[in-house]
Amino acid sequence: MKHVITLSLLAVFVIAASFTFMPNKPWPVPDKEAKKANPVKNDAASVAAGKALWSTHCSSCHGKAGLGDGSKAAQLKTQPEDMSKPLVQTQSDGALFYKVSEGRDDMPSFKKKIPDAEDIWSLVNYMRTLKK
């Protein structure tokens, strides 16, 4: 009987742990969107503006340094992306802009919260500084 209870508890733990963070599924971006060029010059002013937006809108999930370890990360079904990883950093500016604008699943759309497209482009410029 002890083994059945132990195995049952182990099974519940494994199932619960597997639902803590679902693996991130591929996030395709339409070619037209991925090929969009960033019209905002990647300079100190743009990066500073992007950093301010990051602090307000992104750090609670992605973390201050973009490692996916923000204060709300544990509450999500999917692990927020570590923005410093090559998987993110090798994406085009247009792809990052699209994902921030459109969102999906736990990642909200920011096109209404950040209605000025230039601000989202500045956010993309800041995201480029999060490389390891």
Protein backbone atom coordinates (compact mmCIF):
# COMPACT_ATOMS: atom_id res chain seq x y z
CA MET A 1 0.00 0.00 0.00
CA LYS A 2 2.89 2.35 0.82
CA HIS A 3 4.32 1.86 -2.68
CA VAL A 4 0.98 2.66 -4.32
CA ILE A 5 0.68 5.89 -2.36
CA THR A 6 4.31 6.79 -3.08
CA LEU A 7 3.88 6.06 -6.79
CA SER A 8 0.62 8.00 -6.86
CA LEU A 9 2.25 11.02 -5.23
CA LEU A 10 5.19 10.76 -7.61
CA ALA A 11 2.82 10.63 -10.60
CA VAL A 12 0.94 13.70 -9.37
CA PHE A 13 4.22 15.56 -8.88
CA VAL A 14 5.50 14.68 -12.35
CA ILE A 15 2.22 15.73 -13.98
CA ALA A 16 2.09 18.98 -12.01
CA ALA A 17 5.73 19.74 -12.85
CA SER A 18 5.12 19.13 -16.53
CA PHE A 19 2.33 21.71 -16.54
CA THR A 20 4.34 24.33 -14.68
CA PHE A 21 5.92 25.47 -17.94
CA MET A 22 4.79 24.13 -21.27
CA PRO A 23 7.61 24.11 -23.82
CA ASN A 24 7.52 27.00 -26.22
CA LYS A 25 6.15 25.97 -29.56
CA PRO A 26 7.50 27.40 -32.81
CA TRP A 27 6.24 30.89 -33.56
CA PRO A 28 6.19 31.41 -37.30
CA VAL A 29 6.18 34.96 -38.60
CA PRO A 30 4.78 35.82 -42.03
CA ASP A 31 7.64 36.49 -44.47
CA LYS A 32 6.33 39.97 -45.25
CA GLU A 33 6.51 40.88 -41.55
CA ALA A 34 9.87 39.19 -40.94
CA LYS A 35 11.43 41.14 -43.82
CA LYS A 36 10.38 44.56 -42.52
CA ALA A 37 13.35 46.77 -41.81
CA ASN A 38 13.60 48.71 -38.58
CA PRO A 39 13.07 52.37 -39.53
CA VAL A 40 14.31 53.61 -36.14
CA LYS A 41 18.06 54.22 -35.92
CA ASN A 42 19.66 52.00 -33.30
CA ASP A 43 21.25 54.80 -31.28
CA ALA A 44 21.50 55.73 -27.60
CA ALA A 45 18.20 57.63 -27.60
CA SER A 46 16.28 54.77 -29.18
CA VAL A 47 17.85 52.19 -26.86
CA ALA A 48 17.03 54.34 -23.82
CA ALA A 49 13.42 54.69 -24.97
CA GLY A 50 13.24 50.93 -25.55
CA LYS A 51 14.72 50.24 -22.12
CA ALA A 52 12.03 52.38 -20.47
CA LEU A 53 9.33 50.49 -22.38
CA TRP A 54 10.97 47.18 -21.42
CA SER A 55 10.88 48.14 -17.74
CA THR A 56 7.20 49.08 -17.98
CA HIS A 57 5.85 46.32 -20.20
CA CYS A 58 8.27 43.40 -20.47
CA SER A 59 10.44 42.93 -17.39
CA SER A 60 7.67 41.49 -15.21
CA CYS A 61 7.72 38.33 -17.36
CA HIS A 62 11.04 38.38 -19.23
CA GLY A 63 13.07 39.80 -16.34
CA LYS A 64 15.18 42.92 -16.02
CA ALA A 65 18.01 41.40 -18.06
CA GLY A 66 15.67 39.52 -20.41
CA LEU A 67 16.50 36.04 -19.10
CA GLY A 68 12.86 34.92 -18.78
CA ASP A 69 12.97 35.19 -15.01
CA GLY A 70 10.58 38.04 -14.26
CA SER A 71 8.38 38.15 -11.17
CA LYS A 72 5.32 36.94 -13.13
CA ALA A 73 7.14 34.20 -15.08
CA ALA A 74 6.16 31.40 -12.68
CA GLN A 75 2.46 32.23 -13.15
CA LEU A 76 2.55 31.61 -16.90
CA LYS A 77 1.80 28.42 -18.81
CA THR A 78 4.85 28.90 -21.03
CA GLN A 79 8.33 29.95 -20.02
CA PRO A 80 9.04 33.51 -21.20
CA GLU A 81 11.84 33.56 -23.76
CA ASP A 82 15.37 34.26 -22.67
CA MET A 83 15.97 37.22 -24.94
CA SER A 84 19.75 36.82 -24.76
CA LYS A 85 19.77 33.45 -26.51
CA PRO A 86 20.74 33.09 -30.17
CA LEU A 87 17.24 31.69 -30.86
CA VAL A 88 15.92 35.20 -30.23
CA GLN A 89 18.90 37.31 -31.26
CA THR A 90 19.14 35.73 -34.72
CA GLN A 91 15.54 36.66 -35.55
CA SER A 92 15.03 39.67 -37.78
CA ASP A 93 13.96 43.00 -36.35
CA GLY A 94 10.72 42.58 -38.30
CA ALA A 95 10.03 39.22 -36.64
CA LEU A 96 10.58 40.66 -33.16
CA PHE A 97 8.41 43.67 -34.00
CA TYR A 98 5.65 41.33 -35.21
CA LYS A 99 5.76 39.18 -32.07
CA VAL A 100 5.66 42.17 -29.72
CA SER A 101 2.84 43.75 -31.71
CA GLU A 102 0.68 40.66 -32.21
CA GLY A 103 1.43 38.46 -29.19
CA ARG A 104 0.15 34.91 -28.70
CA ASP A 105 -0.81 32.70 -25.78
CA ASP A 106 0.77 34.15 -22.59
CA MET A 107 2.54 36.86 -24.58
CA PRO A 108 0.07 39.73 -24.90
CA SER A 109 -0.31 41.93 -27.95
CA PHE A 110 1.25 45.34 -27.38
CA LYS A 111 -0.09 47.18 -30.43
CA LYS A 112 -2.72 48.89 -28.26
CA LYS A 113 -0.57 49.33 -25.14
CA ILE A 114 2.29 50.75 -27.24
CA PRO A 115 0.36 52.30 -30.15
CA ASP A 116 3.31 54.21 -31.67
CA ALA A 117 5.11 51.78 -33.99
CA GLU A 118 8.37 53.72 -33.55
CA ASP A 119 8.26 52.90 -29.84
CA ILE A 120 8.01 49.17 -30.59
CA TRP A 121 10.93 49.50 -32.99
CA SER A 122 12.90 51.19 -30.18
CA LEU A 123 11.96 48.28 -27.95
CA VAL A 124 13.41 45.94 -30.59
CA ASN A 125 16.60 48.04 -30.57
CA TYR A 126 16.80 47.62 -26.79
CA MET A 127 16.18 43.87 -27.10
CA ARG A 128 19.34 43.71 -29.23
CA THR A 129 21.37 44.85 -26.19
CA LEU A 130 20.31 41.77 -24.20
CA LYS A 131 22.84 39.47 -25.88
CA LYS A 132 25.01 37.29 -23.66
